[in-house]
Amino acid sequence: MSLMIDIRKLGLFNKMAKEGGNTVANHLSQMTGMETEMEITKINFIDIPDIKTHIGDEKQIGISIEMVEKPHGYILFLFNARSAKDLAHGMIGDMGETSDEGGFTDMERSAIQEIGNIMTSGFIDGWANVLDTTIDISTPNFTFGPGSGMVDQLVGDRDNDMALMFDSRVHALDSDINVKVYTFPELEELVGLMQEIEV
């Protein structure tokens, strides 16, 4: 199968990024009470080794999901511990115990897990709307460690070592929260779905 795509359909990449991002921002705003927006800075086809360099070895919190239907592959959200804390506090409010120490309380952990569910399902819902399909996903998987290692674990064994990178940031307007999103769909399947869409 070929990766050639009708040039008139290239706008679908932007639409998928925008739709996925807006869905995430809306869900997060409702859950945490913080006004959040999603900014898509760029969309690139990039070699997986270059993505690992771009992400770097800094320890971060990663939430990944596997798409178990076309366009199979993975989506990875990365953010630092401070951003995770701020999001968790926004969601828990005064209801539960939070910690200002380095670690996370059980309540903070479950809030971050729930936020991970919201972000991943929101992003995929946005994609599915644009591609006019349904995309089933696995349970989100949480990791703490070097971002480059997470990419390696998800897609380090791919034959085609290119990925579609949406460099996106979820930004909470009144606090310094940054979440980045990287996507690793099977490119041939994604192009196949896009070919079926009338533009």
N, C-alpha and C. Protein backbone atom coordinates (compact mmCIF):
# COMPACT_ATOMS: atom_id res chain seq x y z
N MET A 1 0.85 -1.19 0.00
CA MET A 1 0.00 0.00 0.00
C MET A 1 0.89 1.25 0.00
N SER A 2 0.37 2.30 -0.60
CA SER A 2 1.20 3.50 -0.77
C SER A 2 0.83 4.58 0.22
N LEU A 3 1.78 5.46 0.49
CA LEU A 3 1.51 6.60 1.36
C LEU A 3 1.10 7.83 0.56
N MET A 4 0.90 7.65 -0.76
CA MET A 4 0.49 8.81 -1.56
C MET A 4 -0.93 9.20 -1.19
N ILE A 5 -1.15 10.51 -1.12
CA ILE A 5 -2.47 10.99 -0.73
C ILE A 5 -2.84 12.17 -1.62
N ASP A 6 -4.11 12.26 -1.95
CA ASP A 6 -4.62 13.38 -2.74
C ASP A 6 -4.28 14.67 -2.01
N ILE A 7 -3.63 15.58 -2.70
CA ILE A 7 -3.17 16.82 -2.06
C ILE A 7 -4.32 17.60 -1.42
N ARG A 8 -5.53 17.45 -1.96
CA ARG A 8 -6.68 18.18 -1.40
C ARG A 8 -7.05 17.65 -0.01
N LYS A 9 -6.52 16.47 0.32
CA LYS A 9 -6.87 15.88 1.62
C LYS A 9 -5.85 16.21 2.71
N LEU A 10 -4.81 16.94 2.37
CA LEU A 10 -3.78 17.24 3.38
C LEU A 10 -4.37 18.05 4.54
N GLY A 11 -5.39 18.85 4.25
CA GLY A 11 -6.04 19.64 5.30
C GLY A 11 -6.65 18.77 6.38
N LEU A 12 -6.89 17.48 6.07
CA LEU A 12 -7.48 16.58 7.07
C LEU A 12 -6.54 16.41 8.27
N PHE A 13 -5.22 16.47 8.03
CA PHE A 13 -4.28 16.36 9.15
C PHE A 13 -4.51 17.49 10.14
N ASN A 14 -4.66 18.72 9.60
CA ASN A 14 -4.92 19.87 10.48
C ASN A 14 -6.23 19.70 11.21
N LYS A 15 -7.22 19.22 10.47
CA LYS A 15 -8.56 19.07 11.04
C LYS A 15 -8.54 18.05 12.19
N MET A 16 -7.80 16.95 11.98
CA MET A 16 -7.71 15.92 13.02
C MET A 16 -7.03 16.48 14.26
N ALA A 17 -5.96 17.24 14.05
CA ALA A 17 -5.22 17.81 15.17
C ALA A 17 -6.11 18.78 15.94
N LYS A 18 -6.83 19.62 15.18
CA LYS A 18 -7.67 20.65 15.79
C LYS A 18 -8.83 20.04 16.55
N GLU A 19 -9.50 19.11 15.89
CA GLU A 19 -10.68 18.48 16.47
C GLU A 19 -10.29 17.68 17.73
N GLY A 20 -9.19 16.92 17.63
CA GLY A 20 -8.71 16.15 18.78
C GLY A 20 -8.35 17.08 19.92
N GLY A 21 -7.64 18.15 19.59
CA GLY A 21 -7.19 19.10 20.61
C GLY A 21 -8.33 19.82 21.29
N ASN A 22 -9.29 20.28 20.51
CA ASN A 22 -10.43 21.01 21.10
C ASN A 22 -11.25 20.12 22.01
N THR A 23 -11.43 18.86 21.60
CA THR A 23 -12.19 17.92 22.44
C THR A 23 -11.49 17.74 23.78
N VAL A 24 -10.16 17.58 23.75
CA VAL A 24 -9.39 17.41 24.99
C VAL A 24 -9.55 18.65 25.87
N ALA A 25 -9.37 19.83 25.28
CA ALA A 25 -9.43 21.08 26.06
C ALA A 25 -10.80 21.25 26.70
N ASN A 26 -11.86 20.98 25.95
CA ASN A 26 -13.22 21.12 26.50
C ASN A 26 -13.45 20.17 27.66
N HIS A 27 -13.04 18.91 27.51
CA HIS A 27 -13.23 17.91 28.57
C HIS A 27 -12.45 18.30 29.82
N LEU A 28 -11.20 18.76 29.61
CA LEU A 28 -10.36 19.13 30.75
C LEU A 28 -10.94 20.34 31.48
N SER A 29 -11.43 21.31 30.72
CA SER A 29 -12.02 22.50 31.34
C SER A 29 -13.18 22.10 32.24
N GLN A 30 -14.02 21.17 31.73
CA GLN A 30 -15.18 20.73 32.52
C GLN A 30 -14.75 19.99 33.78
N MET A 31 -13.71 19.15 33.66
CA MET A 31 -13.31 18.30 34.78
C MET A 31 -12.55 19.05 35.86
N THR A 32 -11.71 20.02 35.45
CA THR A 32 -10.80 20.64 36.42
C THR A 32 -11.25 22.05 36.79
N GLY A 33 -12.22 22.60 36.04
CA GLY A 33 -12.63 23.97 36.31
C GLY A 33 -11.59 24.99 35.85
N MET A 34 -10.50 24.52 35.20
CA MET A 34 -9.50 25.45 34.68
C MET A 34 -9.80 25.71 33.22
N GLU A 35 -9.60 26.93 32.80
CA GLU A 35 -9.81 27.21 31.37
C GLU A 35 -8.59 26.71 30.61
N THR A 36 -8.80 25.73 29.74
CA THR A 36 -7.66 25.18 29.00
C THR A 36 -7.89 25.32 27.51
N GLU A 37 -6.79 25.43 26.78
CA GLU A 37 -6.89 25.45 25.32
C GLU A 37 -5.81 24.54 24.76
N MET A 38 -6.03 24.10 23.55
CA MET A 38 -5.06 23.21 22.91
C MET A 38 -4.45 23.96 21.75
N GLU A 39 -3.14 23.99 21.72
CA GLU A 39 -2.47 24.68 20.63
C GLU A 39 -1.67 23.65 19.85
N ILE A 40 -1.91 23.57 18.55
CA ILE A 40 -1.15 22.65 17.71
C ILE A 40 -0.04 23.48 17.07
N THR A 41 1.21 23.21 17.45
CA THR A 41 2.27 24.07 16.93
C THR A 41 2.74 23.60 15.57
N LYS A 42 2.91 22.29 15.39
CA LYS A 42 3.24 21.84 14.04
C LYS A 42 2.92 20.37 13.87
N ILE A 43 2.78 19.99 12.60
CA ILE A 43 2.51 18.59 12.25
C ILE A 43 3.65 18.16 11.33
N ASN A 44 4.35 17.10 11.71
CA ASN A 44 5.50 16.67 10.93
C ASN A 44 5.49 15.17 10.72
N PHE A 45 6.00 14.75 9.57
CA PHE A 45 6.38 13.34 9.43
C PHE A 45 7.85 13.31 9.81
N ILE A 46 8.19 12.47 10.77
CA ILE A 46 9.54 12.56 11.32
C ILE A 46 10.05 11.16 11.64
N ASP A 47 11.34 10.95 11.50
CA ASP A 47 11.93 9.64 11.82
C ASP A 47 11.85 9.42 13.33
N ILE A 48 11.55 8.18 13.72
CA ILE A 48 11.40 7.87 15.15
C ILE A 48 12.67 8.22 15.96
N PRO A 49 13.89 7.93 15.45
CA PRO A 49 15.07 8.34 16.23
C PRO A 49 15.10 9.86 16.48
N ASP A 50 14.63 10.64 15.49
CA ASP A 50 14.61 12.11 15.67
C ASP A 50 13.58 12.52 16.71
N ILE A 51 12.46 11.80 16.78
CA ILE A 51 11.45 12.12 17.80
C ILE A 51 12.04 11.88 19.19
N LYS A 52 12.80 10.78 19.31
CA LYS A 52 13.40 10.48 20.62
C LYS A 52 14.36 11.60 21.03
N THR A 53 15.12 12.11 20.07
CA THR A 53 16.04 13.23 20.37
C THR A 53 15.24 14.47 20.76
N HIS A 54 14.15 14.72 20.01
CA HIS A 54 13.31 15.90 20.23
C HIS A 54 12.69 15.86 21.65
N ILE A 55 12.23 14.68 22.06
CA ILE A 55 11.58 14.54 23.38
C ILE A 55 12.62 14.59 24.49
N GLY A 56 13.78 13.97 24.25
CA GLY A 56 14.86 14.04 25.24
C GLY A 56 14.72 13.01 26.35
N ASP A 57 15.69 13.05 27.27
CA ASP A 57 15.78 12.03 28.31
C ASP A 57 15.26 12.50 29.66
N GLU A 58 14.71 13.70 29.69
CA GLU A 58 14.19 14.21 30.97
C GLU A 58 13.05 13.32 31.46
N LYS A 59 13.01 13.08 32.78
CA LYS A 59 11.93 12.23 33.32
C LYS A 59 10.61 12.99 33.28
N GLN A 60 9.59 12.34 32.75
CA GLN A 60 8.27 12.96 32.63
C GLN A 60 7.21 11.91 32.94
N ILE A 61 5.99 12.39 33.08
CA ILE A 61 4.86 11.46 33.21
C ILE A 61 4.32 11.23 31.80
N GLY A 62 4.17 9.97 31.45
CA GLY A 62 3.65 9.63 30.14
C GLY A 62 2.36 8.85 30.27
N ILE A 63 1.38 9.18 29.44
CA ILE A 63 0.15 8.40 29.35
C ILE A 63 0.05 7.95 27.91
N SER A 64 0.05 6.63 27.70
CA SER A 64 -0.03 6.15 26.32
C SER A 64 -1.23 5.24 26.17
N ILE A 65 -1.77 5.25 24.97
CA ILE A 65 -2.85 4.31 24.65
C ILE A 65 -2.55 3.68 23.30
N GLU A 66 -3.10 2.50 23.11
CA GLU A 66 -2.97 1.83 21.82
C GLU A 66 -4.32 1.90 21.12
N MET A 67 -4.28 2.25 19.83
CA MET A 67 -5.51 2.20 19.03
C MET A 67 -5.65 0.76 18.54
N VAL A 68 -6.73 0.11 18.94
CA VAL A 68 -6.88 -1.31 18.59
C VAL A 68 -7.75 -1.50 17.34
N GLU A 69 -8.07 -0.40 16.68
CA GLU A 69 -8.73 -0.45 15.37
C GLU A 69 -7.96 0.49 14.45
N LYS A 70 -8.24 0.42 13.16
CA LYS A 70 -7.56 1.33 12.23
C LYS A 70 -7.72 2.77 12.71
N PRO A 71 -6.71 3.59 12.66
CA PRO A 71 -5.38 3.38 12.08
C PRO A 71 -4.37 2.87 13.09
N HIS A 72 -4.62 1.74 13.76
CA HIS A 72 -3.71 1.16 14.75
C HIS A 72 -2.50 2.05 15.06
N GLY A 73 -1.90 1.80 16.20
CA GLY A 73 -0.73 2.59 16.59
C GLY A 73 -0.93 3.14 18.00
N TYR A 74 -0.20 4.19 18.32
CA TYR A 74 -0.17 4.69 19.70
C TYR A 74 -0.31 6.20 19.75
N ILE A 75 -0.79 6.67 20.90
CA ILE A 75 -0.78 8.10 21.18
C ILE A 75 -0.14 8.27 22.55
N LEU A 76 0.74 9.26 22.66
CA LEU A 76 1.49 9.48 23.90
C LEU A 76 1.33 10.93 24.34
N PHE A 77 0.86 11.11 25.57
CA PHE A 77 0.79 12.43 26.20
C PHE A 77 1.94 12.52 27.20
N LEU A 78 2.68 13.62 27.18
CA LEU A 78 3.80 13.79 28.10
C LEU A 78 3.65 15.08 28.89
N PHE A 79 3.85 15.02 30.20
CA PHE A 79 3.88 16.26 30.98
C PHE A 79 4.74 16.07 32.21
N ASN A 80 5.17 17.20 32.81
CA ASN A 80 6.05 17.08 33.97
C ASN A 80 5.22 16.94 35.24
N ALA A 81 5.90 16.61 36.33
CA ALA A 81 5.21 16.31 37.59
C ALA A 81 4.43 17.53 38.10
N ARG A 82 4.98 18.73 37.91
CA ARG A 82 4.30 19.95 38.38
C ARG A 82 2.96 20.13 37.66
N SER A 83 2.97 19.94 36.33
CA SER A 83 1.74 20.06 35.56
C SER A 83 0.71 19.03 36.01
N ALA A 84 1.20 17.81 36.28
CA ALA A 84 0.30 16.73 36.72
C ALA A 84 -0.34 17.11 38.05
N LYS A 85 0.48 17.65 38.96
CA LYS A 85 -0.05 18.07 40.28
C LYS A 85 -1.12 19.14 40.11
N ASP A 86 -0.80 20.15 39.28
CA ASP A 86 -1.75 21.26 39.10
C ASP A 86 -3.07 20.77 38.53
N LEU A 87 -3.00 19.86 37.55
CA LEU A 87 -4.23 19.32 36.97
C LEU A 87 -5.01 18.52 38.02
N ALA A 88 -4.27 17.72 38.80
CA ALA A 88 -4.93 16.90 39.84
C ALA A 88 -5.61 17.81 40.87
N HIS A 89 -4.93 18.88 41.29
CA HIS A 89 -5.52 19.79 42.28
C HIS A 89 -6.76 20.46 41.73
N GLY A 90 -6.72 20.81 40.42
CA GLY A 90 -7.90 21.42 39.80
C GLY A 90 -9.09 20.49 39.84
N MET A 91 -8.82 19.20 39.70
CA MET A 91 -9.91 18.22 39.66
C MET A 91 -10.41 17.87 41.06
N ILE A 92 -9.47 17.73 42.02
CA ILE A 92 -9.85 17.31 43.37
C ILE A 92 -10.46 18.48 44.15
N GLY A 93 -9.92 19.69 43.91
CA GLY A 93 -10.40 20.86 44.65
C GLY A 93 -10.12 20.68 46.13
N ASP A 94 -11.09 20.99 46.98
CA ASP A 94 -10.88 20.88 48.42
C ASP A 94 -11.34 19.54 48.97
N MET A 95 -11.73 18.62 48.04
CA MET A 95 -12.34 17.38 48.51
C MET A 95 -11.35 16.42 49.13
N GLY A 96 -10.09 16.47 48.68
CA GLY A 96 -9.22 15.39 49.11
C GLY A 96 -7.87 15.87 49.52
N GLU A 97 -7.11 14.88 49.90
CA GLU A 97 -5.79 15.16 50.44
C GLU A 97 -4.83 15.32 49.26
N THR A 98 -4.06 16.41 49.28
CA THR A 98 -3.03 16.59 48.25
C THR A 98 -1.69 16.75 48.95
N SER A 99 -0.64 16.57 48.20
CA SER A 99 0.69 16.64 48.82
C SER A 99 1.53 17.64 48.06
N ASP A 100 2.25 18.50 48.79
CA ASP A 100 3.16 19.43 48.12
C ASP A 100 4.58 18.86 48.11
N GLU A 101 4.71 17.67 48.65
CA GLU A 101 6.02 17.02 48.60
C GLU A 101 6.25 16.50 47.19
N GLY A 102 7.35 15.78 47.01
CA GLY A 102 7.66 15.28 45.67
C GLY A 102 6.69 14.23 45.17
N GLY A 103 6.15 13.40 46.07
CA GLY A 103 5.33 12.28 45.61
C GLY A 103 3.89 12.66 45.35
N PHE A 104 3.07 11.66 45.02
CA PHE A 104 1.65 11.88 44.76
C PHE A 104 0.84 11.08 45.76
N THR A 105 -0.23 11.65 46.29
CA THR A 105 -1.13 10.89 47.16
C THR A 105 -1.96 9.96 46.27
N ASP A 106 -2.63 8.99 46.90
CA ASP A 106 -3.48 8.08 46.13
C ASP A 106 -4.55 8.85 45.38
N MET A 107 -5.10 9.87 46.04
CA MET A 107 -6.17 10.64 45.40
C MET A 107 -5.64 11.40 44.18
N GLU A 108 -4.42 11.95 44.31
CA GLU A 108 -3.82 12.65 43.17
C GLU A 108 -3.57 11.68 42.02
N ARG A 109 -3.06 10.49 42.38
CA ARG A 109 -2.80 9.48 41.34
C ARG A 109 -4.07 9.13 40.59
N SER A 110 -5.16 8.91 41.33
CA SER A 110 -6.39 8.51 40.62
C SER A 110 -6.95 9.67 39.82
N ALA A 111 -6.73 10.92 40.30
CA ALA A 111 -7.17 12.08 39.51
C ALA A 111 -6.37 12.16 38.22
N ILE A 112 -5.06 11.91 38.30
CA ILE A 112 -4.22 11.97 37.08
C ILE A 112 -4.63 10.86 36.12
N GLN A 113 -4.94 9.70 36.68
CA GLN A 113 -5.40 8.59 35.83
C GLN A 113 -6.69 8.98 35.10
N GLU A 114 -7.60 9.59 35.82
CA GLU A 114 -8.88 10.00 35.22
C GLU A 114 -8.64 11.07 34.15
N ILE A 115 -7.72 12.00 34.44
CA ILE A 115 -7.38 13.04 33.45
C ILE A 115 -6.78 12.39 32.21
N GLY A 116 -5.97 11.34 32.42
CA GLY A 116 -5.40 10.59 31.30
C GLY A 116 -6.49 9.96 30.44
N ASN A 117 -7.50 9.38 31.11
CA ASN A 117 -8.64 8.79 30.37
C ASN A 117 -9.33 9.85 29.53
N ILE A 118 -9.55 11.02 30.14
CA ILE A 118 -10.27 12.10 29.45
C ILE A 118 -9.48 12.58 28.24
N MET A 119 -8.18 12.77 28.43
CA MET A 119 -7.36 13.32 27.34
C MET A 119 -7.28 12.33 26.18
N THR A 120 -7.00 11.06 26.50
CA THR A 120 -6.82 10.10 25.42
C THR A 120 -8.13 9.85 24.67
N SER A 121 -9.23 9.66 25.42
CA SER A 121 -10.49 9.37 24.71
C SER A 121 -10.97 10.60 23.95
N GLY A 122 -10.74 11.80 24.52
CA GLY A 122 -11.13 13.02 23.82
C GLY A 122 -10.38 13.19 22.52
N PHE A 123 -9.10 12.93 22.55
CA PHE A 123 -8.27 13.10 21.35
C PHE A 123 -8.74 12.13 20.26
N ILE A 124 -8.96 10.88 20.66
CA ILE A 124 -9.38 9.86 19.68
C ILE A 124 -10.79 10.15 19.15
N ASP A 125 -11.69 10.63 20.02
CA ASP A 125 -13.03 11.00 19.55
C ASP A 125 -12.93 12.05 18.44
N GLY A 126 -12.05 13.02 18.65
CA GLY A 126 -11.85 14.06 17.64
C GLY A 126 -11.39 13.47 16.32
N TRP A 127 -10.44 12.55 16.38
CA TRP A 127 -9.95 11.89 15.17
C TRP A 127 -11.06 11.11 14.49
N ALA A 128 -11.80 10.35 15.30
CA ALA A 128 -12.84 9.49 14.74
C ALA A 128 -13.90 10.34 14.02
N ASN A 129 -14.23 11.51 14.58
CA ASN A 129 -15.20 12.40 13.92
C ASN A 129 -14.72 12.81 12.54
N VAL A 130 -13.45 13.20 12.44
CA VAL A 130 -12.91 13.66 11.16
C VAL A 130 -12.84 12.50 10.16
N LEU A 131 -12.43 11.32 10.64
CA LEU A 131 -12.26 10.17 9.75
C LEU A 131 -13.57 9.42 9.52
N ASP A 132 -14.64 9.88 10.19
CA ASP A 132 -15.96 9.29 10.04
C ASP A 132 -15.93 7.79 10.32
N THR A 133 -15.37 7.44 11.48
CA THR A 133 -15.25 6.03 11.85
C THR A 133 -15.30 5.93 13.37
N THR A 134 -15.15 4.72 13.90
CA THR A 134 -14.96 4.59 15.35
C THR A 134 -13.57 4.02 15.56
N ILE A 135 -12.91 4.44 16.62
CA ILE A 135 -11.58 3.93 16.92
C ILE A 135 -11.57 3.47 18.37
N ASP A 136 -11.44 2.17 18.54
CA ASP A 136 -11.42 1.62 19.89
C ASP A 136 -10.01 1.74 20.45
N ILE A 137 -9.90 2.01 21.76
CA ILE A 137 -8.56 2.17 22.35
C ILE A 137 -8.39 1.29 23.58
N SER A 138 -7.12 1.02 23.90
CA SER A 138 -6.80 0.24 25.09
C SER A 138 -6.93 1.13 26.33
N THR A 139 -6.83 0.52 27.50
CA THR A 139 -6.79 1.30 28.74
C THR A 139 -5.50 2.11 28.75
N PRO A 140 -5.55 3.38 29.19
CA PRO A 140 -4.32 4.17 29.22
C PRO A 140 -3.27 3.55 30.14
N ASN A 141 -2.03 3.64 29.71
CA ASN A 141 -0.90 3.11 30.46
C ASN A 141 -0.05 4.27 30.99
N PHE A 142 0.24 4.26 32.29
CA PHE A 142 1.00 5.35 32.91
C PHE A 142 2.45 4.95 33.13
N THR A 143 3.36 5.86 32.80
CA THR A 143 4.78 5.61 33.00
C THR A 143 5.43 6.87 33.54
N PHE A 144 6.45 6.71 34.36
CA PHE A 144 7.25 7.85 34.76
C PHE A 144 8.68 7.53 34.43
N GLY A 145 9.32 8.36 33.59
CA GLY A 145 10.70 8.08 33.20
C GLY A 145 11.08 8.96 32.03
N PRO A 146 12.22 8.67 31.39
CA PRO A 146 12.66 9.48 30.25
C PRO A 146 11.68 9.34 29.08
N GLY A 147 11.28 10.47 28.52
CA GLY A 147 10.32 10.46 27.41
C GLY A 147 10.82 9.65 26.22
N SER A 148 12.14 9.73 25.94
CA SER A 148 12.68 9.02 24.77
C SER A 148 12.52 7.50 24.96
N GLY A 149 12.64 7.04 26.22
CA GLY A 149 12.49 5.61 26.50
C GLY A 149 11.07 5.14 26.24
N MET A 150 10.08 6.02 26.52
CA MET A 150 8.68 5.65 26.27
C MET A 150 8.42 5.47 24.78
N VAL A 151 8.99 6.37 23.97
CA VAL A 151 8.83 6.26 22.51
C VAL A 151 9.44 4.95 22.04
N ASP A 152 10.60 4.64 22.57
CA ASP A 152 11.30 3.41 22.20
C ASP A 152 10.44 2.20 22.52
N GLN A 153 9.84 2.21 23.70
CA GLN A 153 9.00 1.09 24.12
C GLN A 153 7.78 0.92 23.23
N LEU A 154 7.19 2.06 22.82
CA LEU A 154 5.96 2.00 22.03
C LEU A 154 6.24 1.61 20.58
N VAL A 155 7.23 2.25 19.97
CA VAL A 155 7.39 2.08 18.51
C VAL A 155 8.83 1.81 18.08
N GLY A 156 9.69 1.46 19.04
CA GLY A 156 11.10 1.26 18.70
C GLY A 156 11.33 0.13 17.71
N ASP A 157 10.37 -0.81 17.59
CA ASP A 157 10.59 -1.97 16.72
C ASP A 157 9.89 -1.82 15.37
N ARG A 158 9.46 -0.62 15.03
CA ARG A 158 8.71 -0.46 13.78
C ARG A 158 9.60 -0.63 12.55
N ASP A 159 9.04 -1.30 11.53
CA ASP A 159 9.78 -1.43 10.27
C ASP A 159 9.90 -0.07 9.60
N ASN A 160 8.72 0.59 9.46
CA ASN A 160 8.79 1.93 8.87
C ASN A 160 9.06 2.88 10.02
N ASP A 161 10.24 3.50 9.99
CA ASP A 161 10.62 4.23 11.20
C ASP A 161 10.22 5.70 11.12
N MET A 162 9.10 5.96 10.43
CA MET A 162 8.57 7.33 10.43
C MET A 162 7.29 7.37 11.24
N ALA A 163 7.05 8.49 11.86
CA ALA A 163 5.81 8.67 12.61
C ALA A 163 5.23 10.03 12.25
N LEU A 164 3.96 10.19 12.55
CA LEU A 164 3.28 11.47 12.33
C LEU A 164 3.29 12.17 13.67
N MET A 165 3.97 13.29 13.75
CA MET A 165 4.09 13.97 15.03
C MET A 165 3.23 15.23 15.03
N PHE A 166 2.22 15.24 15.91
CA PHE A 166 1.47 16.46 16.17
C PHE A 166 2.15 17.08 17.39
N ASP A 167 2.84 18.16 17.20
CA ASP A 167 3.45 18.80 18.37
C ASP A 167 2.38 19.73 18.93
N SER A 168 1.66 19.24 19.92
CA SER A 168 0.50 19.95 20.45
C SER A 168 0.72 20.24 21.91
N ARG A 169 0.16 21.33 22.37
CA ARG A 169 0.27 21.64 23.79
C ARG A 169 -1.11 21.94 24.35
N VAL A 170 -1.43 21.28 25.45
CA VAL A 170 -2.63 21.65 26.19
C VAL A 170 -2.17 22.70 27.19
N HIS A 171 -2.81 23.83 27.16
CA HIS A 171 -2.32 24.92 28.00
C HIS A 171 -3.46 25.42 28.89
N ALA A 172 -3.22 25.41 30.20
CA ALA A 172 -4.22 25.98 31.12
C ALA A 172 -3.88 27.45 31.28
N LEU A 173 -4.87 28.32 31.03
CA LEU A 173 -4.58 29.75 30.90
C LEU A 173 -4.08 30.37 32.20
N ASP A 174 -4.60 29.90 33.35
CA ASP A 174 -4.18 30.59 34.57
C ASP A 174 -3.17 29.79 35.39
N SER A 175 -2.60 28.74 34.82
CA SER A 175 -1.47 28.10 35.50
C SER A 175 -0.55 27.52 34.44
N ASP A 176 0.65 27.23 34.83
CA ASP A 176 1.68 26.88 33.86
C ASP A 176 1.66 25.39 33.57
N ILE A 177 0.57 24.93 32.95
CA ILE A 177 0.45 23.50 32.65
C ILE A 177 0.73 23.28 31.17
N ASN A 178 1.63 22.38 30.89
CA ASN A 178 1.91 22.05 29.50
C ASN A 178 1.85 20.55 29.30
N VAL A 179 1.08 20.13 28.34
CA VAL A 179 0.99 18.71 28.00
C VAL A 179 1.29 18.59 26.52
N LYS A 180 2.20 17.71 26.16
CA LYS A 180 2.50 17.53 24.73
C LYS A 180 1.92 16.22 24.26
N VAL A 181 1.52 16.18 23.00
CA VAL A 181 0.89 14.98 22.43
C VAL A 181 1.70 14.52 21.23
N TYR A 182 2.03 13.24 21.22
CA TYR A 182 2.72 12.66 20.07
C TYR A 182 1.89 11.48 19.57
N THR A 183 1.75 11.35 18.27
CA THR A 183 0.92 10.25 17.74
C THR A 183 1.76 9.37 16.81
N PHE A 184 1.51 8.08 16.91
CA PHE A 184 2.25 7.13 16.09
C PHE A 184 1.26 6.18 15.40
N PRO A 185 0.39 6.70 14.53
CA PRO A 185 -0.53 5.79 13.83
C PRO A 185 0.24 4.98 12.77
N GLU A 186 -0.35 3.86 12.38
CA GLU A 186 0.19 3.14 11.22
C GLU A 186 -0.13 3.99 10.00
N LEU A 187 0.89 4.53 9.37
CA LEU A 187 0.67 5.57 8.35
C LEU A 187 -0.15 5.05 7.16
N GLU A 188 0.14 3.81 6.74
CA GLU A 188 -0.58 3.29 5.57
C GLU A 188 -2.08 3.18 5.86
N GLU A 189 -2.41 2.73 7.07
CA GLU A 189 -3.84 2.60 7.43
C GLU A 189 -4.49 3.97 7.54
N LEU A 190 -3.75 4.93 8.09
CA LEU A 190 -4.31 6.28 8.23
C LEU A 190 -4.59 6.88 6.85
N VAL A 191 -3.64 6.72 5.95
CA VAL A 191 -3.82 7.23 4.59
C VAL A 191 -5.00 6.52 3.93
N GLY A 192 -5.13 5.21 4.16
CA GLY A 192 -6.27 4.46 3.60
C GLY A 192 -7.60 5.03 4.08
N LEU A 193 -7.71 5.34 5.37
CA LEU A 193 -8.95 5.94 5.91
C LEU A 193 -9.20 7.31 5.28
N MET A 194 -8.12 8.07 5.10
CA MET A 194 -8.28 9.42 4.55
C MET A 194 -8.70 9.37 3.09
N GLN A 195 -8.22 8.34 2.37
CA GLN A 195 -8.57 8.21 0.94
C GLN A 195 -10.09 8.03 0.77
N GLU A 196 -10.72 7.45 1.82
CA GLU A 196 -12.16 7.15 1.68
C GLU A 196 -13.03 8.39 1.93
N ILE A 197 -12.42 9.46 2.40
CA ILE A 197 -13.22 10.64 2.76
C ILE A 197 -13.36 11.56 1.57
N GLU A 198 -14.59 12.01 1.35
CA GLU A 198 -14.84 12.97 0.27
C GLU A 198 -14.41 14.35 0.74
N VAL A 199 -13.68 15.09 -0.11
CA VAL A 199 -13.35 16.47 0.28
C VAL A 199 -13.93 17.45 -0.73
